[in-house]
Amino acid sequence: MNEQFTRLPDSEEKQVMLNTAIIDAYNKTRSVLSHKKLCYAPSTNMYFTQDGKVKVCCNNFHYTIGSYPQQSIREIWQSNQAQEIREKMQQYDFSSGCNVCVWFSNTSKS
């Protein structure tokens, strides 16, 4: 059995293994033109909580990219935190609170 895997740290600093064939198959189902990331939420979404914290996804409550109205929408979108999580998604790194996606990716192997 000669499968390639990608190591992904989870929020508890354990290693999570994703089969690269699964990643490729998943990316083929996406309706976007570029398939360089497993998740596009940080590049397309802003999720506002009731207290003004801005997240990139409704499933990730741990990682905040900004706070409204203390920051403008532009400042939040261009923040270091937003850029950091976008870069992590390009590297298939779910360590910023993307535990639901790690679970989904691992359960869809069968």
PDB file of N, CA and C in Angstrom:
ATOM      1  N   MET A   1       0.849  -1.175   0.000  1.00  0.00           N
ATOM      2  CA  MET A   1       0.000   0.000   0.000  1.00  0.00           C
ATOM      3  C   MET A   1       0.893   1.236   0.000  1.00  0.00           C
ATOM      4  N   ASN A   2       0.848   1.996  -1.080  1.00  0.00           N
ATOM      5  CA  ASN A   2       1.754   3.121  -1.246  1.00  0.00           C
ATOM      6  C   ASN A   2       0.963   4.418  -1.406  1.00  0.00           C
ATOM      7  N   GLU A   3       0.298   4.867  -0.342  1.00  0.00           N
ATOM      8  CA  GLU A   3      -0.511   6.072  -0.378  1.00  0.00           C
ATOM      9  C   GLU A   3       0.286   7.248   0.174  1.00  0.00           C
ATOM     10  N   GLN A   4       0.068   8.420  -0.416  1.00  0.00           N
ATOM     11  CA  GLN A   4       0.707   9.623   0.102  1.00  0.00           C
ATOM     12  C   GLN A   4      -0.232  10.311   1.074  1.00  0.00           C
ATOM     13  N   PHE A   5       0.350  10.813   2.159  1.00  0.00           N
ATOM     14  CA  PHE A   5      -0.436  11.503   3.168  1.00  0.00           C
ATOM     15  C   PHE A   5       0.175  12.863   3.447  1.00  0.00           C
ATOM     16  N   THR A   6      -0.650  13.782   3.894  1.00  0.00           N
ATOM     17  CA  THR A   6      -0.219  15.104   4.320  1.00  0.00           C
ATOM     18  C   THR A   6      -0.463  15.212   5.815  1.00  0.00           C
ATOM     19  N   ARG A   7       0.534  15.654   6.566  1.00  0.00           N
ATOM     20  CA  ARG A   7       0.383  15.814   8.005  1.00  0.00           C
ATOM     21  C   ARG A   7      -0.245  17.160   8.304  1.00  0.00           C
ATOM     22  N   LEU A   8      -1.267  17.146   9.138  1.00  0.00           N
ATOM     23  CA  LEU A   8      -1.955  18.361   9.550  1.00  0.00           C
ATOM     24  C   LEU A   8      -2.050  18.395  11.067  1.00  0.00           C
ATOM     25  N   PRO A   9      -1.502  19.428  11.717  1.00  0.00           N
ATOM     26  CA  PRO A   9      -1.645  19.510  13.175  1.00  0.00           C
ATOM     27  C   PRO A   9      -3.052  19.942  13.531  1.00  0.00           C
ATOM     28  N   ASP A  10      -3.634  19.304  14.549  1.00  0.00           N
ATOM     29  CA  ASP A  10      -4.948  19.756  15.003  1.00  0.00           C
ATOM     30  C   ASP A  10      -4.751  20.707  16.181  1.00  0.00           C
ATOM     31  N   SER A  11      -5.834  21.141  16.780  1.00  0.00           N
ATOM     32  CA  SER A  11      -5.741  22.150  17.833  1.00  0.00           C
ATOM     33  C   SER A  11      -5.037  21.640  19.080  1.00  0.00           C
ATOM     34  N   GLU A  12      -4.909  20.340  19.231  1.00  0.00           N
ATOM     35  CA  GLU A  12      -4.225  19.779  20.391  1.00  0.00           C
ATOM     36  C   GLU A  12      -2.789  19.389  20.055  1.00  0.00           C
ATOM     37  N   GLU A  13      -2.272  19.872  18.924  1.00  0.00           N
ATOM     38  CA  GLU A  13      -0.910  19.632  18.478  1.00  0.00           C
ATOM     39  C   GLU A  13      -0.621  18.166  18.174  1.00  0.00           C
ATOM     40  N   LYS A  14      -1.655  17.359  17.977  1.00  0.00           N
ATOM     41  CA  LYS A  14      -1.466  15.995  17.510  1.00  0.00           C
ATOM     42  C   LYS A  14      -1.377  16.056  15.992  1.00  0.00           C
ATOM     43  N   GLN A  15      -0.920  15.004  15.374  1.00  0.00           N
ATOM     44  CA  GLN A  15      -0.847  14.978  13.930  1.00  0.00           C
ATOM     45  C   GLN A  15      -2.061  14.278  13.351  1.00  0.00           C
ATOM     46  N   VAL A  16      -2.668  14.901  12.343  1.00  0.00           N
ATOM     47  CA  VAL A  16      -3.804  14.348  11.635  1.00  0.00           C
ATOM     48  C   VAL A  16      -3.337  14.057  10.224  1.00  0.00           C
ATOM     49  N   MET A  17      -3.647  12.875   9.728  1.00  0.00           N
ATOM     50  CA  MET A  17      -3.192  12.493   8.400  1.00  0.00           C
ATOM     51  C   MET A  17      -4.339  12.584   7.398  1.00  0.00           C
ATOM     52  N   LEU A  18      -4.108  13.297   6.301  1.00  0.00           N
ATOM     53  CA  LEU A  18      -5.074  13.365   5.210  1.00  0.00           C
ATOM     54  C   LEU A  18      -4.432  12.763   3.960  1.00  0.00           C
ATOM     55  N   ASN A  19      -5.116  11.848   3.354  1.00  0.00           N
ATOM     56  CA  ASN A  19      -4.644  11.239   2.131  1.00  0.00           C
ATOM     57  C   ASN A  19      -4.714  12.278   1.022  1.00  0.00           C
ATOM     58  N   THR A  20      -3.623  12.478   0.278  1.00  0.00           N
ATOM     59  CA  THR A  20      -3.611  13.485  -0.780  1.00  0.00           C
ATOM     60  C   THR A  20      -4.589  13.145  -1.895  1.00  0.00           C
ATOM     61  N   ALA A  21      -4.886  11.871  -2.106  1.00  0.00           N
ATOM     62  CA  ALA A  21      -5.885  11.488  -3.110  1.00  0.00           C
ATOM     63  C   ALA A  21      -7.270  11.994  -2.699  1.00  0.00           C
ATOM     64  N   ILE A  22      -7.560  11.967  -1.401  1.00  0.00           N
ATOM     65  CA  ILE A  22      -8.839  12.480  -0.906  1.00  0.00           C
ATOM     66  C   ILE A  22      -8.912  13.993  -1.121  1.00  0.00           C
ATOM     67  N   ILE A  23      -7.818  14.683  -0.853  1.00  0.00           N
ATOM     68  CA  ILE A  23      -7.774  16.133  -1.066  1.00  0.00           C
ATOM     69  C   ILE A  23      -8.008  16.441  -2.543  1.00  0.00           C
ATOM     70  N   ASP A  24      -7.332  15.724  -3.422  1.00  0.00           N
ATOM     71  CA  ASP A  24      -7.505  15.941  -4.861  1.00  0.00           C
ATOM     72  C   ASP A  24      -8.941  15.666  -5.294  1.00  0.00           C
ATOM     73  N   ALA A  25      -9.527  14.589  -4.817  1.00  0.00           N
ATOM     74  CA  ALA A  25     -10.907  14.252  -5.175  1.00  0.00           C
ATOM     75  C   ALA A  25     -11.872  15.328  -4.667  1.00  0.00           C
ATOM     76  N   TYR A  26     -11.638  15.791  -3.456  1.00  0.00           N
ATOM     77  CA  TYR A  26     -12.480  16.852  -2.892  1.00  0.00           C
ATOM     78  C   TYR A  26     -12.369  18.121  -3.731  1.00  0.00           C
ATOM     79  N   ASN A  27     -11.156  18.510  -4.075  1.00  0.00           N
ATOM     80  CA  ASN A  27     -10.955  19.734  -4.849  1.00  0.00           C
ATOM     81  C   ASN A  27     -11.618  19.658  -6.225  1.00  0.00           C
ATOM     82  N   LYS A  28     -11.713  18.471  -6.812  1.00  0.00           N
ATOM     83  CA  LYS A  28     -12.362  18.324  -8.120  1.00  0.00           C
ATOM     84  C   LYS A  28     -13.861  18.592  -8.047  1.00  0.00           C
ATOM     85  N   THR A  29     -14.459  18.474  -6.859  1.00  0.00           N
ATOM     86  CA  THR A  29     -15.895  18.710  -6.716  1.00  0.00           C
ATOM     87  C   THR A  29     -16.222  20.177  -6.486  1.00  0.00           C
ATOM     88  N   ARG A  30     -15.222  21.001  -6.251  1.00  0.00           N
ATOM     89  CA  ARG A  30     -15.449  22.415  -5.947  1.00  0.00           C
ATOM     90  C   ARG A  30     -15.762  23.175  -7.222  1.00  0.00           C
ATOM     91  N   SER A  31     -16.617  24.166  -7.132  1.00  0.00           N
ATOM     92  CA  SER A  31     -17.056  24.915  -8.297  1.00  0.00           C
ATOM     93  C   SER A  31     -16.199  26.148  -8.585  1.00  0.00           C
ATOM     94  N   VAL A  32     -15.096  26.308  -7.900  1.00  0.00           N
ATOM     95  CA  VAL A  32     -14.219  27.449  -8.135  1.00  0.00           C
ATOM     96  C   VAL A  32     -13.161  27.090  -9.155  1.00  0.00           C
ATOM     97  N   LEU A  33     -12.560  28.093  -9.762  1.00  0.00           N
ATOM     98  CA  LEU A  33     -11.597  27.836 -10.830  1.00  0.00           C
ATOM     99  C   LEU A  33     -10.237  27.382 -10.319  1.00  0.00           C
ATOM    100  N   SER A  34      -9.790  27.899  -9.208  1.00  0.00           N
ATOM    101  CA  SER A  34      -8.476  27.561  -8.674  1.00  0.00           C
ATOM    102  C   SER A  34      -8.628  26.560  -7.533  1.00  0.00           C
ATOM    103  N   HIS A  35      -7.856  25.508  -7.577  1.00  0.00           N
ATOM    104  CA  HIS A  35      -7.936  24.466  -6.547  1.00  0.00           C
ATOM    105  C   HIS A  35      -6.638  24.393  -5.748  1.00  0.00           C
ATOM    106  N   LYS A  36      -6.166  25.518  -5.285  1.00  0.00           N
ATOM    107  CA  LYS A  36      -4.916  25.552  -4.546  1.00  0.00           C
ATOM    108  C   LYS A  36      -5.114  25.453  -3.047  1.00  0.00           C
ATOM    109  N   LYS A  37      -6.373  25.430  -2.583  1.00  0.00           N
ATOM    110  CA  LYS A  37      -6.664  25.391  -1.154  1.00  0.00           C
ATOM    111  C   LYS A  37      -7.750  24.361  -0.893  1.00  0.00           C
ATOM    112  N   LEU A  38      -7.709  23.765   0.271  1.00  0.00           N
ATOM    113  CA  LEU A  38      -8.777  22.853   0.664  1.00  0.00           C
ATOM    114  C   LEU A  38     -10.010  23.635   1.099  1.00  0.00           C
ATOM    115  N   CYS A  39      -9.810  24.812   1.688  1.00  0.00           N
ATOM    116  CA  CYS A  39     -10.923  25.623   2.189  1.00  0.00           C
ATOM    117  C   CYS A  39     -10.783  27.054   1.670  1.00  0.00           C
ATOM    118  N   TYR A  40     -11.875  27.574   1.145  1.00  0.00           N
ATOM    119  CA  TYR A  40     -11.876  28.934   0.621  1.00  0.00           C
ATOM    120  C   TYR A  40     -12.529  29.938   1.571  1.00  0.00           C
ATOM    121  N   ALA A  41     -13.043  29.476   2.699  1.00  0.00           N
ATOM    122  CA  ALA A  41     -13.757  30.361   3.614  1.00  0.00           C
ATOM    123  C   ALA A  41     -12.944  31.604   4.004  1.00  0.00           C
ATOM    124  N   PRO A  42     -11.665  31.482   4.368  1.00  0.00           N
ATOM    125  CA  PRO A  42     -10.927  32.687   4.763  1.00  0.00           C
ATOM    126  C   PRO A  42     -10.747  33.697   3.628  1.00  0.00           C
ATOM    127  N   SER A  43     -10.894  33.243   2.389  1.00  0.00           N
ATOM    128  CA  SER A  43     -10.722  34.127   1.241  1.00  0.00           C
ATOM    129  C   SER A  43     -12.040  34.662   0.700  1.00  0.00           C
ATOM    130  N   THR A  44     -13.155  34.178   1.256  1.00  0.00           N
ATOM    131  CA  THR A  44     -14.458  34.595   0.725  1.00  0.00           C
ATOM    132  C   THR A  44     -15.455  35.017   1.798  1.00  0.00           C
ATOM    133  N   ASN A  45     -15.246  34.654   3.051  1.00  0.00           N
ATOM    134  CA  ASN A  45     -16.252  34.857   4.107  1.00  0.00           C
ATOM    135  C   ASN A  45     -15.790  35.782   5.210  1.00  0.00           C
ATOM    136  N   MET A  46     -16.767  36.436   5.808  1.00  0.00           N
ATOM    137  CA  MET A  46     -16.589  37.134   7.081  1.00  0.00           C
ATOM    138  C   MET A  46     -17.836  36.810   7.891  1.00  0.00           C
ATOM    139  N   TYR A  47     -17.657  36.181   9.031  1.00  0.00           N
ATOM    140  CA  TYR A  47     -18.759  35.763   9.888  1.00  0.00           C
ATOM    141  C   TYR A  47     -18.710  36.616  11.152  1.00  0.00           C
ATOM    142  N   PHE A  48     -19.767  37.387  11.409  1.00  0.00           N
ATOM    143  CA  PHE A  48     -19.806  38.322  12.533  1.00  0.00           C
ATOM    144  C   PHE A  48     -20.577  37.710  13.695  1.00  0.00           C
ATOM    145  N   THR A  49     -19.949  37.685  14.858  1.00  0.00           N
ATOM    146  CA  THR A  49     -20.643  37.214  16.050  1.00  0.00           C
ATOM    147  C   THR A  49     -21.435  38.375  16.650  1.00  0.00           C
ATOM    148  N   GLN A  50     -22.287  38.075  17.615  1.00  0.00           N
ATOM    149  CA  GLN A  50     -23.115  39.118  18.218  1.00  0.00           C
ATOM    150  C   GLN A  50     -22.310  40.168  18.965  1.00  0.00           C
ATOM    151  N   ASP A  51     -21.116  39.801  19.415  1.00  0.00           N
ATOM    152  CA  ASP A  51     -20.294  40.776  20.134  1.00  0.00           C
ATOM    153  C   ASP A  51     -19.289  41.495  19.230  1.00  0.00           C
ATOM    154  N   GLY A  52     -19.419  41.321  17.896  1.00  0.00           N
ATOM    155  CA  GLY A  52     -18.586  42.051  16.948  1.00  0.00           C
ATOM    156  C   GLY A  52     -17.319  41.354  16.513  1.00  0.00           C
ATOM    157  N   LYS A  53     -17.042  40.195  17.069  1.00  0.00           N
ATOM    158  CA  LYS A  53     -15.851  39.459  16.626  1.00  0.00           C
ATOM    159  C   LYS A  53     -16.104  38.909  15.216  1.00  0.00           C
ATOM    160  N   VAL A  54     -15.057  38.917  14.408  1.00  0.00           N
ATOM    161  CA  VAL A  54     -15.197  38.468  13.023  1.00  0.00           C
ATOM    162  C   VAL A  54     -14.401  37.185  12.843  1.00  0.00           C
ATOM    163  N   LYS A  55     -15.086  36.180  12.350  1.00  0.00           N
ATOM    164  CA  LYS A  55     -14.507  34.860  12.090  1.00  0.00           C
ATOM    165  C   LYS A  55     -14.538  34.626  10.582  1.00  0.00           C
ATOM    166  N   VAL A  56     -13.900  33.555  10.125  1.00  0.00           N
ATOM    167  CA  VAL A  56     -13.924  33.243   8.691  1.00  0.00           C
ATOM    168  C   VAL A  56     -14.958  32.184   8.355  1.00  0.00           C
ATOM    169  N   CYS A  57     -15.523  31.547   9.383  1.00  0.00           N
ATOM    170  CA  CYS A  57     -16.432  30.432   9.143  1.00  0.00           C
ATOM    171  C   CYS A  57     -17.325  30.242  10.360  1.00  0.00           C
ATOM    172  N   CYS A  58     -18.546  29.792  10.122  1.00  0.00           N
ATOM    173  CA  CYS A  58     -19.465  29.573  11.247  1.00  0.00           C
ATOM    174  C   CYS A  58     -19.099  28.331  12.050  1.00  0.00           C
ATOM    175  N   ASN A  59     -18.208  27.491  11.536  1.00  0.00           N
ATOM    176  CA  ASN A  59     -17.764  26.307  12.267  1.00  0.00           C
ATOM    177  C   ASN A  59     -16.494  26.547  13.077  1.00  0.00           C
ATOM    178  N   ASN A  60     -15.830  27.663  12.862  1.00  0.00           N
ATOM    179  CA  ASN A  60     -14.582  27.961  13.554  1.00  0.00           C
ATOM    180  C   ASN A  60     -14.806  29.129  14.507  1.00  0.00           C
ATOM    181  N   PHE A  61     -15.049  28.807  15.774  1.00  0.00           N
ATOM    182  CA  PHE A  61     -15.305  29.833  16.776  1.00  0.00           C
ATOM    183  C   PHE A  61     -14.040  30.235  17.532  1.00  0.00           C
ATOM    184  N   HIS A  62     -12.920  29.619  17.227  1.00  0.00           N
ATOM    185  CA  HIS A  62     -11.701  29.839  17.993  1.00  0.00           C
ATOM    186  C   HIS A  62     -10.800  30.912  17.398  1.00  0.00           C
ATOM    187  N   TYR A  63     -10.865  31.121  16.097  1.00  0.00           N
ATOM    188  CA  TYR A  63      -9.922  32.019  15.430  1.00  0.00           C
ATOM    189  C   TYR A  63     -10.643  33.297  15.010  1.00  0.00           C
ATOM    190  N   THR A  64     -10.186  34.432  15.519  1.00  0.00           N
ATOM    191  CA  THR A  64     -10.780  35.737  15.229  1.00  0.00           C
ATOM    192  C   THR A  64      -9.847  36.524  14.319  1.00  0.00           C
ATOM    193  N   ILE A  65     -10.406  37.080  13.233  1.00  0.00           N
ATOM    194  CA  ILE A  65      -9.576  37.885  12.330  1.00  0.00           C
ATOM    195  C   ILE A  65      -9.745  39.377  12.574  1.00  0.00           C
ATOM    196  N   GLY A  66     -10.676  39.756  13.438  1.00  0.00           N
ATOM    197  CA  GLY A  66     -10.859  41.166  13.744  1.00  0.00           C
ATOM    198  C   GLY A  66     -12.046  41.397  14.648  1.00  0.00           C
ATOM    199  N   SER A  67     -12.329  42.673  14.896  1.00  0.00           N
ATOM    200  CA  SER A  67     -13.437  43.051  15.771  1.00  0.00           C
ATOM    201  C   SER A  67     -14.102  44.311  15.224  1.00  0.00           C
ATOM    202  N   TYR A  68     -15.403  44.199  14.969  1.00  0.00           N
ATOM    203  CA  TYR A  68     -16.177  45.312  14.431  1.00  0.00           C
ATOM    204  C   TYR A  68     -17.049  45.899  15.541  1.00  0.00           C
ATOM    205  N   PRO A  69     -17.157  47.179  15.706  1.00  0.00           N
ATOM    206  CA  PRO A  69     -16.751  48.292  14.854  1.00  0.00           C
ATOM    207  C   PRO A  69     -15.397  48.909  15.218  1.00  0.00           C
ATOM    208  N   GLN A  70     -14.648  48.279  16.093  1.00  0.00           N
ATOM    209  CA  GLN A  70     -13.332  48.826  16.451  1.00  0.00           C
ATOM    210  C   GLN A  70     -12.411  48.897  15.233  1.00  0.00           C
ATOM    211  N   GLN A  71     -12.609  47.995  14.290  1.00  0.00           N
ATOM    212  CA  GLN A  71     -11.853  47.995  13.045  1.00  0.00           C
ATOM    213  C   GLN A  71     -12.833  48.117  11.888  1.00  0.00           C
ATOM    214  N   SER A  72     -12.384  48.710  10.799  1.00  0.00           N
ATOM    215  CA  SER A  72     -13.233  48.785   9.610  1.00  0.00           C
ATOM    216  C   SER A  72     -13.251  47.406   8.927  1.00  0.00           C
ATOM    217  N   ILE A  73     -14.225  47.212   8.048  1.00  0.00           N
ATOM    218  CA  ILE A  73     -14.309  45.963   7.293  1.00  0.00           C
ATOM    219  C   ILE A  73     -13.014  45.749   6.504  1.00  0.00           C
ATOM    220  N   ARG A  74     -12.518  46.809   5.878  1.00  0.00           N
ATOM    221  CA  ARG A  74     -11.264  46.710   5.103  1.00  0.00           C
ATOM    222  C   ARG A  74     -10.094  46.296   6.003  1.00  0.00           C
ATOM    223  N   GLU A  75     -10.004  46.912   7.189  1.00  0.00           N
ATOM    224  CA  GLU A  75      -8.910  46.567   8.109  1.00  0.00           C
ATOM    225  C   GLU A  75      -8.993  45.100   8.528  1.00  0.00           C
ATOM    226  N   ILE A  76     -10.183  44.618   8.778  1.00  0.00           N
ATOM    227  CA  ILE A  76     -10.364  43.221   9.171  1.00  0.00           C
ATOM    228  C   ILE A  76      -9.978  42.308   8.019  1.00  0.00           C
ATOM    229  N   TRP A  77     -10.482  42.599   6.821  1.00  0.00           N
ATOM    230  CA  TRP A  77     -10.217  41.764   5.646  1.00  0.00           C
ATOM    231  C   TRP A  77      -8.727  41.698   5.330  1.00  0.00           C
ATOM    232  N   GLN A  78      -8.016  42.798   5.555  1.00  0.00           N
ATOM    233  CA  GLN A  78      -6.594  42.863   5.240  1.00  0.00           C
ATOM    234  C   GLN A  78      -5.701  42.631   6.462  1.00  0.00           C
ATOM    235  N   SER A  79      -6.276  42.184   7.561  1.00  0.00           N
ATOM    236  CA  SER A  79      -5.524  42.014   8.807  1.00  0.00           C
ATOM    237  C   SER A  79      -4.490  40.892   8.711  1.00  0.00           C
ATOM    238  N   ASN A  80      -3.517  40.956   9.586  1.00  0.00           N
ATOM    239  CA  ASN A  80      -2.508  39.896   9.671  1.00  0.00           C
ATOM    240  C   ASN A  80      -3.153  38.558  10.009  1.00  0.00           C
ATOM    241  N   GLN A  81      -4.169  38.578  10.867  1.00  0.00           N
ATOM    242  CA  GLN A  81      -4.850  37.345  11.256  1.00  0.00           C
ATOM    243  C   GLN A  81      -5.560  36.718  10.055  1.00  0.00           C
ATOM    244  N   ALA A  82      -6.202  37.538   9.229  1.00  0.00           N
ATOM    245  CA  ALA A  82      -6.878  37.013   8.037  1.00  0.00           C
ATOM    246  C   ALA A  82      -5.850  36.419   7.074  1.00  0.00           C
ATOM    247  N   GLN A  83      -4.757  37.122   6.867  1.00  0.00           N
ATOM    248  CA  GLN A  83      -3.720  36.624   5.966  1.00  0.00           C
ATOM    249  C   GLN A  83      -3.111  35.325   6.492  1.00  0.00           C
ATOM    250  N   GLU A  84      -2.915  35.254   7.800  1.00  0.00           N
ATOM    251  CA  GLU A  84      -2.335  34.051   8.407  1.00  0.00           C
ATOM    252  C   GLU A  84      -3.207  32.812   8.165  1.00  0.00           C
ATOM    253  N   ILE A  85      -4.509  32.939   8.380  1.00  0.00           N
ATOM    254  CA  ILE A  85      -5.366  31.764   8.198  1.00  0.00           C
ATOM    255  C   ILE A  85      -5.505  31.418   6.713  1.00  0.00           C
ATOM    256  N   ARG A  86      -5.456  32.408   5.825  1.00  0.00           N
ATOM    257  CA  ARG A  86      -5.469  32.111   4.378  1.00  0.00           C
ATOM    258  C   ARG A  86      -4.231  31.313   3.988  1.00  0.00           C
ATOM    259  N   GLU A  87      -3.091  31.713   4.514  1.00  0.00           N
ATOM    260  CA  GLU A  87      -1.847  30.987   4.225  1.00  0.00           C
ATOM    261  C   GLU A  87      -1.905  29.565   4.783  1.00  0.00           C
ATOM    262  N   LYS A  88      -2.477  29.403   5.961  1.00  0.00           N
ATOM    263  CA  LYS A  88      -2.601  28.064   6.539  1.00  0.00           C
ATOM    264  C   LYS A  88      -3.476  27.170   5.665  1.00  0.00           C
ATOM    265  N   MET A  89      -4.545  27.713   5.105  1.00  0.00           N
ATOM    266  CA  MET A  89      -5.411  26.901   4.244  1.00  0.00           C
ATOM    267  C   MET A  89      -4.689  26.485   2.967  1.00  0.00           C
ATOM    268  N   GLN A  90      -3.791  27.323   2.468  1.00  0.00           N
ATOM    269  CA  GLN A  90      -3.007  26.955   1.291  1.00  0.00           C
ATOM    270  C   GLN A  90      -2.062  25.798   1.605  1.00  0.00           C
ATOM    271  N   GLN A  91      -1.686  25.670   2.865  1.00  0.00           N
ATOM    272  CA  GLN A  91      -0.770  24.611   3.306  1.00  0.00           C
ATOM    273  C   GLN A  91      -1.518  23.420   3.902  1.00  0.00           C
ATOM    274  N   TYR A  92      -2.861  23.417   3.799  1.00  0.00           N
ATOM    275  CA  TYR A  92      -3.697  22.357   4.367  1.00  0.00           C
ATOM    276  C   TYR A  92      -3.468  22.221   5.872  1.00  0.00           C
ATOM    277  N   ASP A  93      -3.296  23.347   6.532  1.00  0.00           N
ATOM    278  CA  ASP A  93      -3.037  23.401   7.973  1.00  0.00           C
ATOM    279  C   ASP A  93      -4.323  23.821   8.681  1.00  0.00           C
ATOM    280  N   PHE A  94      -4.933  22.890   9.407  1.00  0.00           N
ATOM    281  CA  PHE A  94      -6.190  23.152  10.094  1.00  0.00           C
ATOM    282  C   PHE A  94      -5.996  23.586  11.548  1.00  0.00           C
ATOM    283  N   SER A  95      -4.808  23.990  11.932  1.00  0.00           N
ATOM    284  CA  SER A  95      -4.491  24.229  13.335  1.00  0.00           C
ATOM    285  C   SER A  95      -5.136  25.478  13.941  1.00  0.00           C
ATOM    286  N   SER A  96      -5.817  26.275  13.163  1.00  0.00           N
ATOM    287  CA  SER A  96      -6.426  27.498  13.689  1.00  0.00           C
ATOM    288  C   SER A  96      -7.902  27.328  14.019  1.00  0.00           C
ATOM    289  N   GLY A  97      -8.260  26.178  14.549  1.00  0.00           N
ATOM    290  CA  GLY A  97      -9.626  25.956  14.994  1.00  0.00           C
ATOM    291  C   GLY A  97     -10.533  25.318  13.975  1.00  0.00           C
ATOM    292  N   CYS A  98      -9.985  24.757  12.917  1.00  0.00           N
ATOM    293  CA  CYS A  98     -10.794  24.147  11.854  1.00  0.00           C
ATOM    294  C   CYS A  98     -11.041  22.667  12.144  1.00  0.00           C
ATOM    295  N   ASN A  99     -11.432  22.359  13.360  1.00  0.00           N
ATOM    296  CA  ASN A  99     -11.600  20.965  13.779  1.00  0.00           C
ATOM    297  C   ASN A  99     -12.752  20.262  13.075  1.00  0.00           C
ATOM    298  N   VAL A 100     -13.820  20.972  12.733  1.00  0.00           N
ATOM    299  CA  VAL A 100     -14.940  20.356  12.019  1.00  0.00           C
ATOM    300  C   VAL A 100     -14.471  19.875  10.656  1.00  0.00           C
ATOM    301  N   CYS A 101     -13.680  20.674   9.972  1.00  0.00           N
ATOM    302  CA  CYS A 101     -13.194  20.296   8.646  1.00  0.00           C
ATOM    303  C   CYS A 101     -12.208  19.127   8.725  1.00  0.00           C
ATOM    304  N   VAL A 102     -11.379  19.086   9.749  1.00  0.00           N
ATOM    305  CA  VAL A 102     -10.477  17.946   9.927  1.00  0.00           C
ATOM    306  C   VAL A 102     -11.307  16.687  10.131  1.00  0.00           C
ATOM    307  N   TRP A 103     -12.329  16.771  10.967  1.00  0.00           N
ATOM    308  CA  TRP A 103     -13.195  15.615  11.217  1.00  0.00           C
ATOM    309  C   TRP A 103     -13.881  15.175   9.932  1.00  0.00           C
ATOM    310  N   PHE A 104     -14.451  16.128   9.168  1.00  0.00           N
ATOM    311  CA  PHE A 104     -15.137  15.804   7.926  1.00  0.00           C
ATOM    312  C   PHE A 104     -14.187  15.148   6.933  1.00  0.00           C
ATOM    313  N   SER A 105     -12.999  15.714   6.778  1.00  0.00           N
ATOM    314  CA  SER A 105     -12.028  15.155   5.838  1.00  0.00           C
ATOM    315  C   SER A 105     -11.634  13.739   6.211  1.00  0.00           C
ATOM    316  N   ASN A 106     -11.486  13.493   7.498  1.00  0.00           N
ATOM    317  CA  ASN A 106     -11.088  12.150   7.955  1.00  0.00           C
ATOM    318  C   ASN A 106     -12.222  11.145   7.845  1.00  0.00           C
ATOM    319  N   THR A 107     -13.476  11.570   8.020  1.00  0.00           N
ATOM    320  CA  THR A 107     -14.596  10.623   7.940  1.00  0.00           C
ATOM    321  C   THR A 107     -15.001  10.342   6.504  1.00  0.00           C
ATOM    322  N   SER A 108     -14.573  11.158   5.550  1.00  0.00           N
ATOM    323  CA  SER A 108     -14.949  10.936   4.162  1.00  0.00           C
ATOM    324  C   SER A 108     -13.954  10.043   3.426  1.00  0.00           C
ATOM    325  N   LYS A 109     -13.029   9.421   4.153  1.00  0.00           N
ATOM    326  CA  LYS A 109     -12.019   8.560   3.528  1.00  0.00           C
ATOM    327  C   LYS A 109     -12.616   7.275   2.978  1.00  0.00           C
ATOM    328  N   SER A 110     -13.704   6.794   3.541  1.00  0.00           N
ATOM    329  CA  SER A 110     -14.236   5.504   3.117  1.00  0.00           C
ATOM    330  C   SER A 110     -15.103   5.615   1.882  1.00  0.00           C
TER     331      SER A 110
END
